Amino acid sequence: MACPECGSGVRPLLTIDGSDWGGGSGSWRPVEDADYTGLHFLGPARATQLNIGRGHSLQLYVCTASYGHPHVQNMQ
């Protein structure tokens, strides 16, 4: 990705996700939530109750040349 104003590279600023850990491996699951066996989308992993575009994550990037340039958004 590149800055839309000057074409310079961008660097990550912020990632927002709707769940605290993935439903597959549970590798990022906190120890205190290890006993939960219910549905992933109803449990403690979804405590934030955020929904970014049907379960995606939103990433914001800033220009490496100037913080005054517009940020770049990416949804994955």
N, C-alpha and C. Protein backbone atom coordinates (compact mmCIF):
# COMPACT_ATOMS: atom_id res chain seq x y z
N MET A 1 0.84 -1.17 0.00
CA MET A 1 0.00 0.00 0.00
C MET A 1 0.88 1.23 0.00
N ALA A 2 0.31 2.31 -0.52
CA ALA A 2 1.04 3.56 -0.60
C ALA A 2 0.14 4.72 -0.18
N CYS A 3 0.77 5.80 0.24
CA CYS A 3 0.04 7.00 0.63
C CYS A 3 -0.70 7.55 -0.59
N PRO A 4 -2.00 7.85 -0.45
CA PRO A 4 -2.75 8.35 -1.60
C PRO A 4 -2.35 9.77 -2.01
N GLU A 5 -1.67 10.50 -1.13
CA GLU A 5 -1.30 11.88 -1.44
C GLU A 5 0.07 12.00 -2.07
N CYS A 6 1.07 11.23 -1.57
CA CYS A 6 2.44 11.40 -2.08
C CYS A 6 3.06 10.13 -2.63
N GLY A 7 2.43 8.99 -2.43
CA GLY A 7 2.95 7.73 -2.95
C GLY A 7 3.99 7.06 -2.07
N SER A 8 4.33 7.66 -0.94
CA SER A 8 5.30 7.05 -0.01
C SER A 8 4.70 5.80 0.61
N GLY A 9 5.55 5.02 1.24
CA GLY A 9 5.08 3.83 1.94
C GLY A 9 4.25 4.20 3.16
N VAL A 10 3.52 3.24 3.66
CA VAL A 10 2.71 3.46 4.86
C VAL A 10 3.12 2.44 5.91
N ARG A 11 2.81 2.77 7.18
CA ARG A 11 3.10 1.83 8.26
C ARG A 11 1.83 1.62 9.08
N PRO A 12 1.69 0.46 9.74
CA PRO A 12 0.49 0.18 10.52
C PRO A 12 0.31 1.15 11.68
N LEU A 13 -0.92 1.58 11.89
CA LEU A 13 -1.26 2.45 13.01
C LEU A 13 -2.16 1.72 14.00
N LEU A 14 -3.20 1.04 13.49
CA LEU A 14 -4.21 0.46 14.37
C LEU A 14 -4.92 -0.68 13.66
N THR A 15 -5.20 -1.76 14.40
CA THR A 15 -6.04 -2.84 13.91
C THR A 15 -7.18 -3.04 14.89
N ILE A 16 -8.41 -3.07 14.37
CA ILE A 16 -9.60 -3.29 15.18
C ILE A 16 -10.24 -4.58 14.73
N ASP A 17 -10.47 -5.49 15.66
CA ASP A 17 -11.07 -6.79 15.32
C ASP A 17 -12.29 -7.00 16.21
N GLY A 18 -13.22 -7.81 15.75
CA GLY A 18 -14.45 -8.05 16.49
C GLY A 18 -14.35 -9.11 17.56
N SER A 19 -13.28 -9.88 17.57
CA SER A 19 -13.14 -10.90 18.61
C SER A 19 -11.74 -10.86 19.19
N ASP A 20 -11.64 -11.35 20.42
CA ASP A 20 -10.35 -11.31 21.11
C ASP A 20 -9.42 -12.43 20.67
N TRP A 21 -9.98 -13.54 20.22
CA TRP A 21 -9.15 -14.63 19.69
C TRP A 21 -9.95 -15.37 18.63
N GLY A 22 -9.23 -16.11 17.79
CA GLY A 22 -9.87 -16.86 16.72
C GLY A 22 -10.59 -18.09 17.24
N GLY A 23 -11.59 -18.53 16.48
CA GLY A 23 -12.37 -19.68 16.90
C GLY A 23 -11.71 -21.01 16.59
N GLY A 24 -10.67 -21.01 15.77
CA GLY A 24 -10.04 -22.26 15.37
C GLY A 24 -9.15 -22.87 16.43
N SER A 25 -7.93 -22.38 16.53
CA SER A 25 -6.96 -23.00 17.44
C SER A 25 -7.12 -22.53 18.89
N GLY A 26 -7.64 -21.33 19.10
CA GLY A 26 -7.74 -20.79 20.46
C GLY A 26 -6.39 -20.47 21.05
N SER A 27 -5.37 -20.28 20.20
CA SER A 27 -4.02 -20.09 20.69
C SER A 27 -3.84 -18.79 21.47
N TRP A 28 -4.71 -17.80 21.26
CA TRP A 28 -4.61 -16.55 21.98
C TRP A 28 -5.62 -16.48 23.12
N ARG A 29 -6.27 -17.57 23.41
CA ARG A 29 -7.31 -17.59 24.44
C ARG A 29 -6.70 -17.39 25.83
N PRO A 30 -7.25 -16.46 26.62
CA PRO A 30 -6.75 -16.27 27.98
C PRO A 30 -6.99 -17.51 28.83
N VAL A 31 -6.13 -17.78 29.76
CA VAL A 31 -6.23 -18.95 30.64
C VAL A 31 -7.56 -18.96 31.38
N GLU A 32 -8.01 -17.79 31.83
CA GLU A 32 -9.26 -17.74 32.59
C GLU A 32 -10.50 -18.07 31.75
N ASP A 33 -10.38 -18.06 30.41
CA ASP A 33 -11.50 -18.41 29.54
C ASP A 33 -11.36 -19.82 28.94
N ALA A 34 -10.37 -20.57 29.36
CA ALA A 34 -10.09 -21.89 28.78
C ALA A 34 -11.22 -22.89 29.01
N ASP A 35 -12.05 -22.71 30.03
CA ASP A 35 -13.13 -23.65 30.33
C ASP A 35 -14.35 -23.46 29.44
N TYR A 36 -14.45 -22.35 28.72
CA TYR A 36 -15.63 -22.08 27.91
C TYR A 36 -15.71 -23.05 26.74
N THR A 37 -16.83 -23.74 26.59
CA THR A 37 -16.99 -24.73 25.51
C THR A 37 -18.17 -24.41 24.61
N GLY A 38 -18.82 -23.27 24.81
CA GLY A 38 -19.98 -22.90 23.99
C GLY A 38 -19.57 -22.37 22.63
N LEU A 39 -20.54 -21.80 21.93
CA LEU A 39 -20.30 -21.25 20.61
C LEU A 39 -19.35 -20.05 20.69
N HIS A 40 -18.39 -20.01 19.79
CA HIS A 40 -17.35 -18.98 19.80
C HIS A 40 -17.96 -17.57 19.75
N PHE A 41 -18.93 -17.34 18.86
CA PHE A 41 -19.46 -16.00 18.66
C PHE A 41 -20.38 -15.52 19.80
N LEU A 42 -20.70 -16.40 20.75
CA LEU A 42 -21.51 -16.02 21.89
C LEU A 42 -20.72 -15.90 23.19
N GLY A 43 -19.48 -16.32 23.17
CA GLY A 43 -18.70 -16.42 24.39
C GLY A 43 -17.82 -15.22 24.68
N PRO A 44 -16.87 -15.42 25.58
CA PRO A 44 -15.99 -14.34 26.03
C PRO A 44 -15.09 -13.78 24.94
N ALA A 45 -14.85 -14.51 23.86
CA ALA A 45 -14.03 -13.99 22.76
C ALA A 45 -14.70 -12.81 22.08
N ARG A 46 -16.01 -12.71 22.21
CA ARG A 46 -16.77 -11.62 21.58
C ARG A 46 -17.25 -10.60 22.60
N ALA A 47 -16.54 -10.46 23.70
CA ALA A 47 -16.95 -9.56 24.78
C ALA A 47 -17.08 -8.11 24.32
N THR A 48 -16.31 -7.70 23.30
CA THR A 48 -16.38 -6.32 22.82
C THR A 48 -17.66 -6.04 22.05
N GLN A 49 -18.29 -7.08 21.49
CA GLN A 49 -19.50 -6.95 20.68
C GLN A 49 -19.31 -6.04 19.47
N LEU A 50 -18.09 -5.96 18.94
CA LEU A 50 -17.83 -5.20 17.72
C LEU A 50 -18.12 -6.09 16.51
N ASN A 51 -18.65 -5.50 15.46
CA ASN A 51 -18.85 -6.23 14.22
C ASN A 51 -18.33 -5.35 13.09
N ILE A 52 -17.16 -5.69 12.59
CA ILE A 52 -16.51 -4.92 11.53
C ILE A 52 -16.81 -5.61 10.20
N GLY A 53 -17.74 -5.09 9.46
CA GLY A 53 -18.03 -5.60 8.11
C GLY A 53 -18.16 -7.10 8.00
N ARG A 54 -19.13 -7.69 8.66
CA ARG A 54 -19.41 -9.12 8.62
C ARG A 54 -18.26 -9.98 9.13
N GLY A 55 -17.64 -9.56 10.19
CA GLY A 55 -16.61 -10.38 10.82
C GLY A 55 -15.19 -10.13 10.37
N HIS A 56 -14.94 -9.04 9.71
CA HIS A 56 -13.59 -8.71 9.26
C HIS A 56 -12.84 -7.93 10.34
N SER A 57 -11.63 -7.54 10.02
CA SER A 57 -10.89 -6.61 10.88
C SER A 57 -10.60 -5.36 10.06
N LEU A 58 -10.51 -4.23 10.74
CA LEU A 58 -10.23 -2.95 10.09
C LEU A 58 -8.82 -2.54 10.47
N GLN A 59 -8.02 -2.24 9.46
CA GLN A 59 -6.63 -1.82 9.69
C GLN A 59 -6.45 -0.40 9.16
N LEU A 60 -5.77 0.44 9.95
CA LEU A 60 -5.46 1.81 9.54
C LEU A 60 -3.95 1.95 9.42
N TYR A 61 -3.51 2.64 8.38
CA TYR A 61 -2.09 2.86 8.11
C TYR A 61 -1.85 4.35 7.94
N VAL A 62 -0.65 4.81 8.31
CA VAL A 62 -0.27 6.21 8.15
C VAL A 62 0.95 6.32 7.23
N CYS A 63 1.04 7.47 6.59
CA CYS A 63 2.14 7.76 5.67
C CYS A 63 3.45 7.86 6.44
N THR A 64 4.51 7.31 5.89
CA THR A 64 5.82 7.39 6.54
C THR A 64 6.49 8.75 6.31
N ALA A 65 6.02 9.51 5.32
CA ALA A 65 6.62 10.82 5.02
C ALA A 65 5.99 11.95 5.83
N SER A 66 4.66 11.85 6.08
CA SER A 66 3.98 12.93 6.80
C SER A 66 2.73 12.40 7.49
N TYR A 67 2.63 12.67 8.79
CA TYR A 67 1.44 12.27 9.53
C TYR A 67 0.21 13.09 9.13
N GLY A 68 0.41 14.20 8.44
CA GLY A 68 -0.68 15.05 8.00
C GLY A 68 -1.41 14.52 6.77
N HIS A 69 -0.84 13.54 6.10
CA HIS A 69 -1.49 12.96 4.92
C HIS A 69 -2.64 12.05 5.35
N PRO A 70 -3.61 11.84 4.48
CA PRO A 70 -4.74 10.97 4.83
C PRO A 70 -4.29 9.55 5.15
N HIS A 71 -4.97 8.92 6.09
CA HIS A 71 -4.64 7.54 6.41
C HIS A 71 -5.21 6.59 5.35
N VAL A 72 -4.70 5.39 5.34
CA VAL A 72 -5.16 4.35 4.41
C VAL A 72 -5.91 3.30 5.23
N GLN A 73 -7.05 2.86 4.74
CA GLN A 73 -7.86 1.85 5.42
C GLN A 73 -7.81 0.54 4.65
N ASN A 74 -7.85 -0.55 5.39
CA ASN A 74 -7.88 -1.88 4.78
C ASN A 74 -8.78 -2.77 5.64
N MET A 75 -9.70 -3.49 5.00
CA MET A 75 -10.54 -4.45 5.73
C MET A 75 -10.17 -5.84 5.25
N GLN A 76 -9.94 -6.74 6.21
CA GLN A 76 -9.62 -8.12 5.86
C GLN A 76 -10.52 -9.05 6.61
